[in-house]
Amino acid sequence: MGCGSRPRAAGRFDAAIRSCALNHAEARDAGANALVTACMSCTFLLSTLTPDLPVFHYLELLYDYRIPWEYSDQYMKLRFLFDSALGAREFYGLEEQADE
């Protein structure tokens, strides 16, 4: 099960929240007192949507350095969609595929 970052990046915020909530419930049911991830986007999303359960990126533990995820910049998150200068969402790279 994913953390919800992919649906969130695609603008499906409801699906992202549901996925995150499922991860949180599964961790709590298993008796976890923290979650450790290998993905920065997962860490960001899980830590902001489940503040009662500590979430760590494994590098935070390896280097003993805690990142304040709640203050992370908007563009630090994994994104599959990009905003154009006009505010419309575009998939970059599709124009090359359409010409082939």
Protein backbone atom coordinates (compact mmCIF):
# COMPACT_ATOMS: atom_id res chain seq x y z
CA MET A 1 0.00 0.00 0.00
CA GLY A 2 1.29 3.42 -0.85
CA CYS A 3 1.44 6.43 1.44
CA GLY A 4 -0.85 8.54 -0.73
CA SER A 5 1.82 10.68 -2.40
CA ARG A 6 0.96 9.57 -5.92
CA PRO A 7 -2.76 10.35 -5.68
CA ARG A 8 -1.91 13.63 -3.94
CA ALA A 9 0.50 14.63 -6.71
CA ALA A 10 -2.23 13.80 -9.24
CA GLY A 11 -4.70 16.07 -7.44
CA ARG A 12 -6.69 13.23 -5.85
CA PHE A 13 -6.48 14.56 -2.29
CA ASP A 14 -9.36 12.41 -1.00
CA ALA A 15 -7.60 9.22 -2.14
CA ALA A 16 -4.32 10.41 -0.63
CA ILE A 17 -5.94 11.04 2.75
CA ARG A 18 -7.66 7.62 2.70
CA SER A 19 -4.40 5.84 1.86
CA CYS A 20 -2.54 7.72 4.57
CA ALA A 21 -5.27 6.93 7.10
CA LEU A 22 -5.06 3.21 6.23
CA ASN A 23 -1.30 3.22 6.82
CA HIS A 24 -1.81 5.02 10.12
CA ALA A 25 -4.50 2.56 11.26
CA GLU A 26 -2.39 -0.45 10.25
CA ALA A 27 0.61 0.90 12.16
CA ARG A 28 -1.49 1.59 15.26
CA ASP A 29 -3.14 -1.85 15.06
CA ALA A 30 0.31 -3.44 14.91
CA GLY A 31 1.34 -1.52 18.02
CA ALA A 32 3.85 0.69 16.24
CA ASN A 33 5.08 3.77 18.02
CA ALA A 34 6.66 5.25 14.85
CA LEU A 35 6.93 4.74 11.09
CA VAL A 36 10.18 4.70 9.10
CA THR A 37 10.13 5.31 5.35
CA ALA A 38 12.62 5.26 2.49
CA CYS A 39 10.82 7.97 0.51
CA MET A 40 10.89 11.68 1.36
CA SER A 41 7.48 12.25 -0.17
CA CYS A 42 6.00 9.46 1.96
CA THR A 43 7.65 10.89 5.05
CA PHE A 44 6.29 14.35 4.33
CA LEU A 45 2.74 13.20 3.67
CA LEU A 46 2.52 10.71 6.53
CA SER A 47 4.05 13.11 9.04
CA THR A 48 1.72 15.96 8.10
CA LEU A 49 -1.46 13.86 7.99
CA THR A 50 -0.74 11.65 11.02
CA PRO A 51 0.86 14.01 13.57
CA ASP A 52 0.18 11.70 16.53
CA LEU A 53 2.50 9.00 15.11
CA PRO A 54 6.15 10.00 14.53
CA VAL A 55 7.33 9.39 10.98
CA PHE A 56 11.03 9.29 10.09
CA HIS A 57 12.89 9.08 6.82
CA TYR A 58 15.59 6.45 7.35
CA LEU A 59 18.32 9.05 6.69
CA GLU A 60 17.07 11.08 9.64
CA LEU A 61 17.84 8.10 11.86
CA LEU A 62 21.11 7.28 10.13
CA TYR A 63 22.48 10.81 10.49
CA ASP A 64 20.68 11.66 13.74
CA TYR A 65 19.15 14.77 12.18
CA ARG A 66 15.41 15.47 12.42
CA ILE A 67 13.79 17.32 9.51
CA PRO A 68 10.86 19.58 10.45
CA TRP A 69 8.54 18.21 7.74
CA GLU A 70 5.69 20.54 8.67
CA TYR A 71 7.81 23.45 7.43
CA SER A 72 8.93 21.81 4.17
CA ASP A 73 8.54 23.92 1.09
CA GLN A 74 5.67 23.11 -1.30
CA TYR A 75 8.06 22.15 -4.10
CA MET A 76 10.12 19.74 -2.02
CA LYS A 77 7.36 17.17 -2.34
CA LEU A 78 7.35 14.56 -5.09
CA ARG A 79 5.23 15.89 -7.97
CA PHE A 80 4.04 14.21 -11.13
CA LEU A 81 2.15 17.25 -12.33
CA PHE A 82 3.58 20.70 -12.81
CA ASP A 83 1.86 24.04 -12.86
CA SER A 84 2.42 26.15 -15.96
CA ALA A 85 2.89 29.90 -15.85
CA LEU A 86 -0.84 30.27 -16.55
CA GLY A 87 -1.82 28.05 -13.64
CA ALA A 88 -2.99 25.13 -15.78
CA ARG A 89 -1.71 21.66 -14.99
CA GLU A 90 0.29 20.02 -17.74
CA PHE A 91 2.05 16.71 -18.20
CA TYR A 92 5.50 17.57 -19.53
CA GLY A 93 6.87 15.22 -22.17
CA LEU A 94 3.55 14.15 -23.67
CA GLU A 95 3.99 16.35 -26.73
CA GLU A 96 6.98 14.26 -27.88
CA GLN A 97 4.94 11.07 -27.52
CA ALA A 98 2.03 12.53 -29.48
CA ASP A 99 4.35 13.35 -32.44
CA GLU A 100 5.65 9.79 -32.72
